[in-house]
N, C-alpha and C. Protein backbone atom coordinates (compact mmCIF):
# COMPACT_ATOMS: atom_id res chain seq x y z
N MET A 1 110.05 -2.07 -13.55
CA MET A 1 109.92 -0.88 -12.25
C MET A 1 108.57 0.10 -11.63
N ALA A 2 108.32 -0.40 -10.73
CA ALA A 2 107.09 0.51 -9.88
C ALA A 2 107.10 2.00 -10.19
N VAL A 3 106.14 2.20 -10.76
CA VAL A 3 105.22 3.76 -11.19
C VAL A 3 105.12 3.93 -9.93
N GLU A 4 105.74 5.57 -9.53
CA GLU A 4 105.27 6.59 -7.95
C GLU A 4 104.41 7.34 -8.83
N PRO A 5 103.33 7.42 -8.63
CA PRO A 5 102.72 9.12 -9.05
C PRO A 5 103.43 10.05 -8.49
N ARG A 6 103.19 11.18 -8.94
CA ARG A 6 103.70 11.94 -7.61
C ARG A 6 102.95 13.91 -7.75
N THR A 7 102.54 14.79 -7.10
CA THR A 7 101.50 15.27 -7.23
C THR A 7 101.58 16.64 -8.47
N ALA A 8 100.79 17.10 -9.22
CA ALA A 8 100.01 17.65 -10.43
C ALA A 8 100.52 19.05 -9.95
N THR A 9 101.43 19.88 -10.68
CA THR A 9 101.41 21.41 -10.80
C THR A 9 101.04 21.89 -11.63
N ARG A 10 100.59 23.68 -11.61
CA ARG A 10 100.72 23.80 -12.56
C ARG A 10 101.19 24.29 -13.58
N SER A 11 102.42 23.47 -14.10
CA SER A 11 102.80 23.95 -15.13
C SER A 11 102.88 22.06 -15.72
N ASP A 12 101.95 20.99 -15.10
CA ASP A 12 102.07 20.31 -15.82
C ASP A 12 100.48 20.14 -15.75
N ILE A 13 99.73 21.08 -16.35
CA ILE A 13 98.32 21.16 -16.80
C ILE A 13 98.06 21.19 -18.16
N PRO A 14 99.10 21.80 -19.21
CA PRO A 14 98.60 21.73 -20.48
C PRO A 14 98.39 20.04 -21.03
N VAL A 15 99.92 19.30 -20.09
CA VAL A 15 100.17 17.74 -20.91
C VAL A 15 99.04 16.95 -20.31
N PHE A 16 98.35 17.18 -18.35
CA PHE A 16 97.80 16.31 -18.41
C PHE A 16 96.41 16.29 -18.73
N ALA A 17 96.12 17.84 -18.99
CA ALA A 17 94.19 17.77 -19.46
C ALA A 17 94.27 17.08 -21.29
N ARG A 18 95.02 17.14 -21.21
CA ARG A 18 95.18 16.46 -23.02
C ARG A 18 94.89 14.86 -22.37
N VAL A 19 95.78 14.57 -21.71
CA VAL A 19 96.17 13.07 -21.57
C VAL A 19 93.96 12.29 -21.04
N ILE A 20 94.03 13.18 -19.93
CA ILE A 20 92.45 13.06 -19.34
C ILE A 20 91.65 12.97 -20.45
N ALA A 21 91.66 14.32 -21.42
CA ALA A 21 90.93 13.89 -22.71
C ALA A 21 91.05 12.79 -23.30
N GLU A 22 92.39 12.47 -23.82
CA GLU A 22 92.50 11.02 -24.55
C GLU A 22 91.40 10.10 -23.52
N ALA A 23 91.41 10.23 -22.78
CA ALA A 23 91.15 8.43 -22.16
C ALA A 23 89.69 9.09 -21.88
N PHE A 24 89.34 10.02 -22.26
CA PHE A 24 87.95 10.12 -22.04
C PHE A 24 86.97 10.61 -23.42
N PHE A 25 87.76 10.37 -23.89
CA PHE A 25 87.22 10.76 -25.44
C PHE A 25 85.78 10.28 -25.83
N ASP A 26 85.57 8.96 -25.35
CA ASP A 26 84.44 8.14 -26.15
C ASP A 26 83.75 8.01 -24.56
N ASP A 27 83.82 8.76 -23.48
CA ASP A 27 83.06 7.97 -22.16
C ASP A 27 81.39 8.56 -23.00
N PRO A 28 80.52 8.20 -22.38
CA PRO A 28 79.17 8.78 -22.65
C PRO A 28 79.16 10.17 -21.97
N VAL A 29 79.62 10.24 -20.76
CA VAL A 29 78.97 11.59 -20.17
C VAL A 29 79.55 12.47 -21.63
N PHE A 30 80.82 12.33 -22.13
CA PHE A 30 81.38 13.37 -22.48
C PHE A 30 80.97 13.62 -24.17
N THR A 31 80.83 12.83 -24.34
CA THR A 31 80.21 12.62 -25.85
C THR A 31 78.98 12.98 -26.01
N TRP A 32 78.48 12.88 -25.14
CA TRP A 32 76.75 14.21 -24.65
C TRP A 32 77.43 15.44 -24.53
N MET A 33 77.84 15.54 -23.95
CA MET A 33 78.93 16.67 -23.45
C MET A 33 79.03 17.86 -24.48
N PHE A 34 80.15 17.31 -25.78
CA PHE A 34 80.62 17.51 -26.83
C PHE A 34 80.66 16.76 -27.89
N PRO A 35 79.03 16.86 -28.55
CA PRO A 35 79.09 15.52 -29.46
C PRO A 35 79.57 16.30 -31.20
N ASP A 36 79.92 17.36 -31.30
CA ASP A 36 81.06 17.67 -32.17
C ASP A 36 82.40 16.86 -32.03
N GLU A 37 82.77 15.73 -32.95
CA GLU A 37 84.03 14.77 -32.51
C GLU A 37 85.02 15.34 -33.05
N GLU A 38 84.77 16.16 -34.17
CA GLU A 38 85.82 16.98 -35.07
C GLU A 38 86.81 17.92 -34.30
N HIS A 39 85.46 18.52 -33.02
CA HIS A 39 86.69 19.81 -31.73
C HIS A 39 86.33 19.01 -30.46
N ARG A 40 85.77 17.79 -30.44
CA ARG A 40 85.99 17.16 -28.81
C ARG A 40 87.12 17.47 -28.28
N MET A 41 88.22 17.03 -29.12
CA MET A 41 89.38 17.35 -28.04
C MET A 41 90.06 18.52 -28.17
N ARG A 42 89.89 18.96 -28.56
CA ARG A 42 90.51 20.00 -28.34
C ARG A 42 89.50 20.93 -26.76
N ARG A 43 88.24 21.19 -27.08
CA ARG A 43 87.25 21.27 -26.14
C ARG A 43 87.50 21.06 -24.76
N MET A 44 87.65 19.47 -25.08
CA MET A 44 87.90 18.94 -23.68
C MET A 44 89.00 19.46 -23.73
N THR A 45 90.21 18.64 -23.68
CA THR A 45 91.74 19.82 -23.19
C THR A 45 91.59 20.67 -22.25
N ARG A 46 90.41 21.76 -23.20
CA ARG A 46 89.89 22.71 -22.78
C ARG A 46 89.28 23.07 -21.15
N PHE A 47 88.58 22.01 -21.50
CA PHE A 47 87.76 21.98 -19.94
C PHE A 47 88.66 21.26 -19.03
N PHE A 48 89.15 20.30 -19.21
CA PHE A 48 89.49 19.85 -18.01
C PHE A 48 91.26 20.33 -17.48
N ALA A 49 91.65 21.90 -18.31
CA ALA A 49 92.30 22.70 -17.86
C ALA A 49 92.64 23.50 -16.99
N ALA A 50 90.87 23.74 -17.57
CA ALA A 50 89.94 24.92 -17.02
C ALA A 50 89.58 24.30 -15.55
N ASP A 51 89.25 23.90 -15.30
CA ASP A 51 89.09 22.23 -13.83
C ASP A 51 90.25 21.99 -13.38
N ALA A 52 91.02 21.66 -13.93
CA ALA A 52 92.60 21.52 -13.33
C ALA A 52 92.99 23.24 -12.54
N ARG A 53 92.68 23.87 -13.33
CA ARG A 53 93.74 25.32 -12.86
C ARG A 53 93.84 26.13 -11.99
N HIS A 54 91.77 25.89 -11.92
CA HIS A 54 91.03 27.19 -11.11
C HIS A 54 90.39 26.38 -9.99
N HIS A 55 90.64 24.83 -9.51
CA HIS A 55 89.31 24.20 -8.52
C HIS A 55 90.61 23.51 -8.42
N MET A 56 91.03 22.09 -9.04
CA MET A 56 91.71 20.83 -8.37
C MET A 56 92.64 21.25 -8.66
N VAL A 57 93.82 21.09 -9.26
CA VAL A 57 95.20 21.31 -9.00
C VAL A 57 95.68 22.42 -7.50
N PRO A 58 94.99 23.09 -7.14
CA PRO A 58 95.08 23.85 -6.36
C PRO A 58 95.11 23.29 -4.38
N LEU A 59 94.41 21.98 -4.95
CA LEU A 59 93.69 21.25 -4.08
C LEU A 59 94.60 20.49 -3.25
N GLU A 60 95.84 20.70 -4.66
CA GLU A 60 97.28 19.21 -4.40
C GLU A 60 97.21 18.03 -3.97
N ALA A 61 96.10 17.73 -4.55
CA ALA A 61 95.27 15.82 -4.16
C ALA A 61 95.33 15.61 -6.08
N THR A 62 95.32 16.80 -6.57
CA THR A 62 95.73 16.02 -8.12
C THR A 62 97.00 15.21 -8.36
N ASP A 63 96.76 14.13 -9.15
CA ASP A 63 98.55 13.07 -8.74
C ASP A 63 98.39 12.85 -10.58
N ILE A 64 100.05 13.01 -10.52
CA ILE A 64 100.07 12.43 -12.64
C ILE A 64 101.26 11.15 -12.39
N ALA A 65 101.12 10.45 -13.56
CA ALA A 65 101.60 9.34 -13.21
C ALA A 65 102.86 9.06 -15.19
N GLU A 66 103.98 8.57 -14.90
CA GLU A 66 104.92 9.15 -16.24
C GLU A 66 105.07 7.28 -16.02
N SER A 67 105.05 7.35 -17.72
CA SER A 67 105.88 5.75 -18.50
C SER A 67 106.56 5.81 -19.50
N GLY A 68 107.99 5.84 -19.11
CA GLY A 68 108.63 6.58 -19.91
C GLY A 68 108.95 7.96 -19.98
N GLY A 69 108.82 8.47 -19.55
CA GLY A 69 109.14 10.19 -19.36
C GLY A 69 108.05 10.53 -19.83
N THR A 70 107.14 10.04 -19.73
CA THR A 70 105.94 11.17 -20.53
C THR A 70 104.57 10.68 -19.46
N VAL A 71 104.07 11.19 -18.86
CA VAL A 71 102.45 11.41 -18.81
C VAL A 71 101.74 11.00 -19.54
N GLY A 72 101.23 9.70 -19.00
CA GLY A 72 99.90 8.74 -19.03
C GLY A 72 99.09 8.40 -18.47
N GLY A 73 98.99 9.07 -17.42
CA GLY A 73 97.80 9.58 -16.86
C GLY A 73 97.42 10.37 -15.60
N ALA A 74 96.29 10.42 -15.01
CA ALA A 74 96.18 11.74 -14.12
C ALA A 74 94.86 11.31 -12.94
N ALA A 75 94.98 11.72 -12.22
CA ALA A 75 93.87 11.24 -11.65
C ALA A 75 94.01 12.56 -10.78
N MET A 76 92.77 12.78 -10.67
CA MET A 76 92.13 14.54 -10.07
C MET A 76 91.19 14.09 -8.61
N TRP A 77 91.91 14.37 -7.16
CA TRP A 77 90.92 14.16 -5.76
C TRP A 77 90.71 15.93 -5.60
N ALA A 78 89.63 15.76 -4.80
CA ALA A 78 89.60 16.41 -3.61
C ALA A 78 89.35 16.50 -2.32
N PRO A 79 90.02 16.76 -1.14
CA PRO A 79 89.73 16.19 0.07
C PRO A 79 88.42 16.19 0.87
N PRO A 80 88.25 15.50 1.40
CA PRO A 80 86.83 15.86 2.43
C PRO A 80 86.15 17.32 2.93
N GLY A 81 85.29 17.85 2.03
CA GLY A 81 85.21 19.01 2.47
C GLY A 81 85.50 20.45 1.24
N ARG A 82 86.48 19.56 0.39
CA ARG A 82 86.69 20.30 -0.98
C ARG A 82 86.36 20.04 -2.16
N TRP A 83 84.87 19.29 -2.25
CA TRP A 83 84.57 19.03 -3.85
C TRP A 83 84.30 20.35 -4.29
N ARG A 84 83.41 20.32 -4.00
CA ARG A 84 82.12 21.53 -4.04
C ARG A 84 83.03 23.06 -4.38
N THR A 85 82.50 23.69 -5.62
CA THR A 85 83.37 24.95 -5.52
C THR A 85 82.57 26.19 -5.18
N ASP A 86 83.39 26.89 -4.59
CA ASP A 86 82.66 27.88 -3.79
C ASP A 86 82.41 29.13 -5.25
N VAL A 87 81.46 29.85 -4.82
CA VAL A 87 81.22 31.57 -5.47
C VAL A 87 82.22 31.46 -6.49
N TRP A 88 83.62 32.09 -5.52
CA TRP A 88 84.74 32.93 -6.49
C TRP A 88 85.12 31.32 -7.22
N THR A 89 85.46 30.60 -7.43
CA THR A 89 85.93 29.25 -8.24
C THR A 89 84.99 29.38 -8.93
N SER A 90 83.97 29.64 -9.23
CA SER A 90 82.50 28.98 -10.18
C SER A 90 83.19 30.32 -11.07
N LEU A 91 83.25 31.41 -10.27
CA LEU A 91 83.01 32.40 -11.48
C LEU A 91 84.44 32.71 -12.24
N ARG A 92 85.65 32.34 -11.35
CA ARG A 92 87.17 32.27 -12.30
C ARG A 92 86.88 30.58 -13.53
N LEU A 93 85.97 29.68 -12.95
CA LEU A 93 85.95 28.67 -14.12
C LEU A 93 84.88 29.28 -15.51
N LEU A 94 84.16 30.15 -15.24
CA LEU A 94 83.19 30.10 -15.96
C LEU A 94 83.71 30.55 -17.46
N PRO A 95 84.87 31.18 -17.62
CA PRO A 95 85.44 31.64 -19.04
C PRO A 95 85.74 30.69 -19.60
N GLY A 96 86.64 29.77 -19.26
CA GLY A 96 87.01 28.47 -19.66
C GLY A 96 86.10 27.53 -19.88
N LEU A 97 85.29 27.23 -18.77
CA LEU A 97 84.07 26.56 -19.55
C LEU A 97 83.27 26.72 -20.55
N TYR A 98 83.15 28.08 -20.54
CA TYR A 98 82.48 28.81 -21.93
C TYR A 98 83.58 28.51 -23.07
N ALA A 99 84.50 28.62 -22.71
CA ALA A 99 85.09 28.88 -23.89
C ALA A 99 85.30 26.91 -24.65
N ALA A 100 85.08 26.06 -23.92
CA ALA A 100 85.19 24.83 -24.05
C ALA A 100 83.72 24.62 -24.83
N LEU A 101 82.85 24.35 -23.44
CA LEU A 101 81.44 23.98 -24.30
C LEU A 101 80.87 24.52 -24.94
N GLY A 102 80.76 25.74 -24.75
CA GLY A 102 80.36 26.74 -26.03
C GLY A 102 79.12 26.64 -25.95
N ARG A 103 77.68 26.20 -27.13
CA ARG A 103 76.31 26.50 -27.18
C ARG A 103 76.11 25.66 -26.40
N TYR A 104 77.32 24.68 -25.98
CA TYR A 104 76.16 23.21 -24.84
C TYR A 104 76.38 23.54 -23.75
N MET A 105 76.87 24.88 -23.10
CA MET A 105 76.98 25.24 -21.64
C MET A 105 75.61 24.31 -20.76
N LYS A 106 74.59 24.60 -21.65
CA LYS A 106 73.25 23.72 -20.65
C LYS A 106 73.87 22.26 -20.08
N ARG A 107 73.82 21.91 -21.07
CA ARG A 107 74.24 20.60 -20.66
C ARG A 107 75.74 20.58 -19.79
N GLY A 108 76.80 21.44 -20.01
CA GLY A 108 77.30 20.92 -18.90
C GLY A 108 76.77 21.71 -17.91
N ALA A 109 75.81 21.93 -17.44
CA ALA A 109 75.14 22.38 -16.43
C ALA A 109 74.12 21.46 -16.18
N GLN A 110 73.83 20.71 -16.51
CA GLN A 110 72.60 19.56 -15.81
C GLN A 110 74.25 18.35 -15.54
N VAL A 111 74.69 18.10 -15.86
CA VAL A 111 75.96 17.73 -15.43
C VAL A 111 75.79 18.09 -13.59
N ASN A 112 76.76 18.79 -13.74
CA ASN A 112 77.14 19.36 -12.37
C ASN A 112 76.00 19.37 -11.83
N GLY A 113 74.95 20.18 -12.14
CA GLY A 113 73.65 19.85 -11.25
C GLY A 113 73.21 18.75 -9.91
N THR A 114 73.20 17.57 -11.33
CA THR A 114 72.58 16.42 -11.09
C THR A 114 73.63 15.50 -10.39
N LEU A 115 75.09 15.34 -11.00
CA LEU A 115 75.56 14.93 -9.56
C LEU A 115 76.09 15.62 -8.48
N ASP A 116 76.49 16.81 -8.04
CA ASP A 116 76.23 17.50 -6.66
C ASP A 116 74.97 17.71 -5.93
N ALA A 117 73.79 17.41 -6.97
CA ALA A 117 72.33 17.02 -5.91
C ALA A 117 72.39 15.75 -5.47
N ALA A 118 73.69 15.05 -6.51
CA ALA A 118 73.25 13.08 -5.68
C ALA A 118 75.23 12.76 -5.11
N HIS A 119 75.45 14.04 -5.10
CA HIS A 119 76.36 13.28 -4.30
C HIS A 119 76.77 13.30 -2.73
N PRO A 120 77.22 12.49 -1.53
CA PRO A 120 76.85 12.53 -0.50
C PRO A 120 77.34 13.20 0.30
N ASP A 121 76.41 13.78 1.36
CA ASP A 121 76.98 14.22 2.34
C ASP A 121 78.01 14.37 3.53
N GLU A 122 78.26 12.79 3.73
CA GLU A 122 79.50 12.40 4.65
C GLU A 122 80.74 12.94 4.12
N PRO A 123 81.57 13.23 4.77
CA PRO A 123 82.94 13.68 4.62
C PRO A 123 83.56 13.05 3.82
N HIS A 124 84.34 13.14 2.67
CA HIS A 124 84.89 12.05 2.27
C HIS A 124 85.76 12.56 1.50
N TRP A 125 86.75 11.28 0.80
CA TRP A 125 88.03 12.25 -0.35
C TRP A 125 87.22 11.78 -1.25
N TYR A 126 87.21 12.22 -2.51
CA TYR A 126 86.27 12.22 -3.81
C TYR A 126 86.92 12.43 -5.11
N LEU A 127 87.19 11.01 -5.63
CA LEU A 127 87.88 10.62 -7.25
C LEU A 127 86.98 11.76 -8.28
N SER A 128 87.34 12.79 -8.73
CA SER A 128 86.43 13.27 -9.48
C SER A 128 86.41 12.71 -11.12
N THR A 129 88.17 12.83 -11.64
CA THR A 129 88.26 12.55 -12.89
C THR A 129 89.90 11.38 -12.57
N ILE A 130 89.98 10.22 -13.05
CA ILE A 130 91.17 9.23 -13.17
C ILE A 130 90.94 8.45 -14.67
N GLY A 131 92.11 9.02 -14.93
CA GLY A 131 92.49 8.44 -16.76
C GLY A 131 93.71 8.01 -17.26
N THR A 132 94.08 7.18 -18.45
CA THR A 132 95.42 7.01 -18.89
C THR A 132 95.28 6.95 -20.84
N SER A 133 95.82 7.70 -20.53
CA SER A 133 96.00 7.63 -22.29
C SER A 133 96.05 5.82 -22.82
N PRO A 134 95.40 6.13 -24.28
CA PRO A 134 95.05 4.92 -25.09
C PRO A 134 96.52 4.33 -24.60
N ALA A 135 97.74 4.99 -25.09
CA ALA A 135 98.65 4.17 -25.46
C ALA A 135 99.30 3.47 -24.24
N ALA A 136 99.54 4.56 -22.79
CA ALA A 136 99.34 3.54 -21.91
C ALA A 136 98.77 3.44 -20.75
N ARG A 137 97.77 2.28 -21.36
CA ARG A 137 96.80 1.61 -20.68
C ARG A 137 97.72 0.04 -20.69
N GLY A 138 97.57 -0.83 -19.75
CA GLY A 138 98.03 -1.61 -19.07
C GLY A 138 99.41 -1.80 -18.60
N THR A 139 99.96 -0.66 -18.14
CA THR A 139 100.95 0.01 -17.78
C THR A 139 100.80 -0.25 -15.91
N GLY A 140 100.15 -0.12 -15.44
CA GLY A 140 99.45 -0.78 -14.31
C GLY A 140 99.91 1.39 -13.74
N LEU A 141 99.64 2.12 -14.77
CA LEU A 141 99.22 3.67 -14.35
C LEU A 141 98.50 4.09 -13.49
N GLY A 142 97.25 3.29 -14.20
CA GLY A 142 95.62 3.08 -12.84
C GLY A 142 95.23 3.25 -11.93
N LYS A 143 96.62 1.52 -12.04
CA LYS A 143 96.44 1.11 -10.21
C LYS A 143 97.40 2.20 -9.44
N ALA A 144 98.29 2.36 -9.76
CA ALA A 144 99.10 3.34 -9.03
C ALA A 144 98.25 4.77 -8.65
N LEU A 145 98.00 5.59 -9.59
CA LEU A 145 97.10 6.84 -9.01
C LEU A 145 96.29 6.18 -8.38
N MET A 146 95.06 5.40 -8.08
CA MET A 146 93.99 5.30 -7.83
C MET A 146 94.63 4.90 -6.19
N LYS A 147 95.78 4.12 -5.96
CA LYS A 147 96.11 3.87 -4.85
C LYS A 147 96.94 4.95 -4.04
N ALA A 148 97.49 6.10 -4.31
CA ALA A 148 98.01 6.88 -4.39
C ALA A 148 97.31 7.79 -3.58
N GLY A 149 96.17 7.61 -4.54
CA GLY A 149 94.54 8.18 -3.47
C GLY A 149 93.80 7.80 -2.27
N LEU A 150 93.85 6.38 -2.30
CA LEU A 150 93.51 5.84 -1.43
C LEU A 150 94.06 5.73 -0.41
N ASP A 151 95.08 5.42 -0.20
CA ASP A 151 95.97 5.53 0.29
C ASP A 151 95.82 6.96 1.43
N ARG A 152 95.93 8.17 0.69
CA ARG A 152 95.92 9.69 1.66
C ARG A 152 93.89 9.30 2.33
N ALA A 153 93.54 8.57 1.82
CA ALA A 153 92.07 8.65 2.33
C ALA A 153 92.23 7.23 3.56
N ASP A 154 92.64 6.19 3.12
CA ASP A 154 92.77 5.24 4.37
C ASP A 154 94.03 6.14 6.07
N ALA A 155 95.57 6.86 5.21
CA ALA A 155 95.57 7.48 6.54
C ALA A 155 94.84 8.44 7.30
N GLU A 156 93.40 8.34 6.54
CA GLU A 156 92.70 9.19 7.52
C GLU A 156 91.95 9.28 8.04
N HIS A 157 91.49 7.43 7.79
CA HIS A 157 90.20 6.92 8.13
C HIS A 157 89.06 7.74 7.53
N ALA A 158 89.42 7.99 6.23
CA ALA A 158 88.22 8.33 5.30
C ALA A 158 87.90 7.79 4.21
N PRO A 159 86.01 7.81 4.17
CA PRO A 159 85.55 7.14 2.87
C PRO A 159 86.17 7.83 1.18
N ALA A 160 85.93 7.26 0.42
CA ALA A 160 86.17 7.89 -0.94
C ALA A 160 85.04 7.95 -1.86
N TYR A 161 84.52 8.71 -2.72
CA TYR A 161 83.52 8.35 -3.38
C TYR A 161 83.68 8.71 -4.93
N LEU A 162 82.86 8.64 -5.89
CA LEU A 162 83.13 8.14 -7.51
C LEU A 162 82.04 8.35 -8.51
N GLU A 163 81.83 8.42 -9.07
CA GLU A 163 81.38 8.11 -10.02
C GLU A 163 81.47 7.58 -11.58
N SER A 164 81.40 6.53 -11.83
CA SER A 164 81.82 5.58 -13.22
C SER A 164 80.82 5.87 -14.28
N SER A 165 81.33 6.45 -15.14
CA SER A 165 80.48 6.42 -16.51
C SER A 165 80.02 5.93 -17.28
N LYS A 166 80.62 4.37 -17.06
CA LYS A 166 80.29 3.21 -17.88
C LYS A 166 80.03 2.59 -16.88
N GLU A 167 78.80 2.04 -17.51
CA GLU A 167 79.08 0.64 -16.47
C GLU A 167 79.91 -0.93 -16.10
N SER A 168 80.40 -0.85 -17.52
CA SER A 168 82.03 -1.53 -18.02
C SER A 168 82.44 -1.44 -17.06
N ASN A 169 82.56 -0.09 -16.06
CA ASN A 169 84.21 -0.13 -15.75
C ASN A 169 83.82 -0.15 -14.13
N ILE A 170 82.03 -0.89 -13.28
CA ILE A 170 82.13 -0.78 -12.18
C ILE A 170 83.20 -1.76 -11.89
N ARG A 171 83.20 -2.96 -12.61
CA ARG A 171 83.88 -3.74 -11.50
C ARG A 171 85.32 -3.68 -10.76
N TYR A 172 85.57 -3.11 -12.09
CA TYR A 172 87.52 -2.06 -11.94
C TYR A 172 87.41 -1.31 -10.72
N TYR A 173 86.63 -0.77 -10.22
CA TYR A 173 86.61 0.48 -8.94
C TYR A 173 86.13 -0.35 -7.72
N GLU A 174 85.38 -1.75 -8.03
CA GLU A 174 85.12 -2.83 -7.09
C GLU A 174 86.40 -3.43 -6.46
N ARG A 175 87.37 -3.67 -6.88
CA ARG A 175 88.41 -4.60 -6.88
C ARG A 175 89.48 -3.57 -5.38
N PHE A 176 88.80 -1.79 -5.71
CA PHE A 176 89.42 -0.97 -5.05
C PHE A 176 89.17 -1.08 -3.57
N GLY A 177 87.42 -1.87 -3.81
CA GLY A 177 85.94 -1.45 -2.29
C GLY A 177 85.86 -1.01 -2.44
N PHE A 178 85.56 0.04 -4.16
CA PHE A 178 84.15 0.53 -4.39
C PHE A 178 82.99 -0.23 -4.43
N GLU A 179 81.64 0.22 -3.71
CA GLU A 179 80.38 -0.12 -4.08
C GLU A 179 79.74 1.00 -4.52
N VAL A 180 78.19 -0.33 -5.31
CA VAL A 180 77.58 1.20 -6.04
C VAL A 180 76.93 1.14 -5.59
N THR A 181 75.71 3.03 -4.97
CA THR A 181 75.52 3.16 -4.26
C THR A 181 73.86 3.51 -4.93
N ARG A 182 73.97 3.85 -5.98
CA ARG A 182 72.73 4.42 -6.45
C ARG A 182 73.15 4.74 -7.94
N GLU A 183 72.09 4.54 -8.70
CA GLU A 183 71.97 5.48 -10.08
C GLU A 183 71.81 7.06 -10.45
N ILE A 184 72.41 7.30 -11.24
CA ILE A 184 71.93 8.99 -11.74
C ILE A 184 72.45 9.03 -13.26
N VAL A 185 71.28 9.48 -12.87
CA VAL A 185 70.53 9.91 -14.74
C VAL A 185 70.45 11.45 -15.10
N ILE A 186 71.41 11.50 -16.03
CA ILE A 186 71.54 13.38 -16.53
C ILE A 186 70.22 13.61 -17.14
N PRO A 187 69.15 14.58 -17.13
CA PRO A 187 68.13 14.86 -17.72
C PRO A 187 68.41 15.63 -18.74
N GLY A 188 66.81 15.32 -19.57
CA GLY A 188 66.86 15.88 -20.85
C GLY A 188 67.73 15.03 -22.04
N GLY A 189 68.02 13.67 -21.77
CA GLY A 189 68.25 12.74 -22.73
C GLY A 189 69.33 12.34 -22.13
N GLY A 190 70.67 12.88 -20.74
CA GLY A 190 72.28 12.31 -21.13
C GLY A 190 71.76 10.90 -20.30
N PRO A 191 73.25 10.76 -20.09
CA PRO A 191 73.76 9.62 -20.16
C PRO A 191 73.61 9.68 -18.35
N THR A 192 73.71 7.57 -18.36
CA THR A 192 74.05 7.40 -16.48
C THR A 192 74.86 6.96 -16.43
N LEU A 193 74.84 7.70 -14.58
CA LEU A 193 76.47 7.04 -14.16
C LEU A 193 75.87 6.25 -13.07
N TRP A 194 76.88 5.67 -12.49
CA TRP A 194 76.81 5.10 -11.13
C TRP A 194 77.93 5.98 -10.02
N GLY A 195 76.85 6.27 -8.39
CA GLY A 195 77.77 6.57 -7.88
C GLY A 195 78.59 5.47 -6.65
N MET A 196 79.84 5.32 -6.71
CA MET A 196 80.03 4.53 -5.70
C MET A 196 81.13 4.57 -4.52
N TRP A 197 80.73 4.27 -3.51
CA TRP A 197 81.48 4.43 -1.91
C TRP A 197 82.33 3.19 -1.47
N ARG A 198 83.37 4.20 -1.47
CA ARG A 198 84.01 2.92 -0.60
C ARG A 198 84.50 3.71 1.06
N GLN A 199 84.31 2.34 1.97
CA GLN A 199 83.56 2.75 3.25
C GLN A 199 85.52 3.22 4.05
N SER A 200 85.36 3.95 4.91
CA SER A 200 86.57 4.25 5.40
C SER A 200 87.36 2.71 6.33
N ARG A 201 88.49 3.10 6.23
CA ARG A 201 89.98 2.06 6.83
C ARG A 201 90.76 2.26 7.79
């Protein structure tokens, strides 16, 4: 049966925030931002929920996909010109981010600042996050979520951009037309990410 992603609403946030946290539990960026493995899942779920509630879901471009009636994957996209948070949104995000990161707020700021500085200036659709739960991997949810977002970009003949936090995932993104444009190193002993660009179609 074909997977048909749908646009997420605020009521979906508690479920898909945990799904994304599960997907990124061993991710190099998030293991650096949340080094305490015992509390990582809870803190990461808070992190993604805050970002979704105050920034991404209101943009109406966050998709979720279900498998067997259960949410198994999500992708958070930002339309052209709307990937950066304004001052008011940043202030609303702050309590949730502090609750998630605690004493590692500085690391979160380093990641955010470094990625912002490396972000392309040309208007584009930005894939902030895409992930599926371990139980849903291999079921086509990730492909369906990627296609849904890229269909929006292609309908506008707009390019797309993402950062891969694992070198092993680069080939996967290349299958959708993305190409590595730069390496992005987080200062202070942080991980390396790969900026990837997809030309307009």
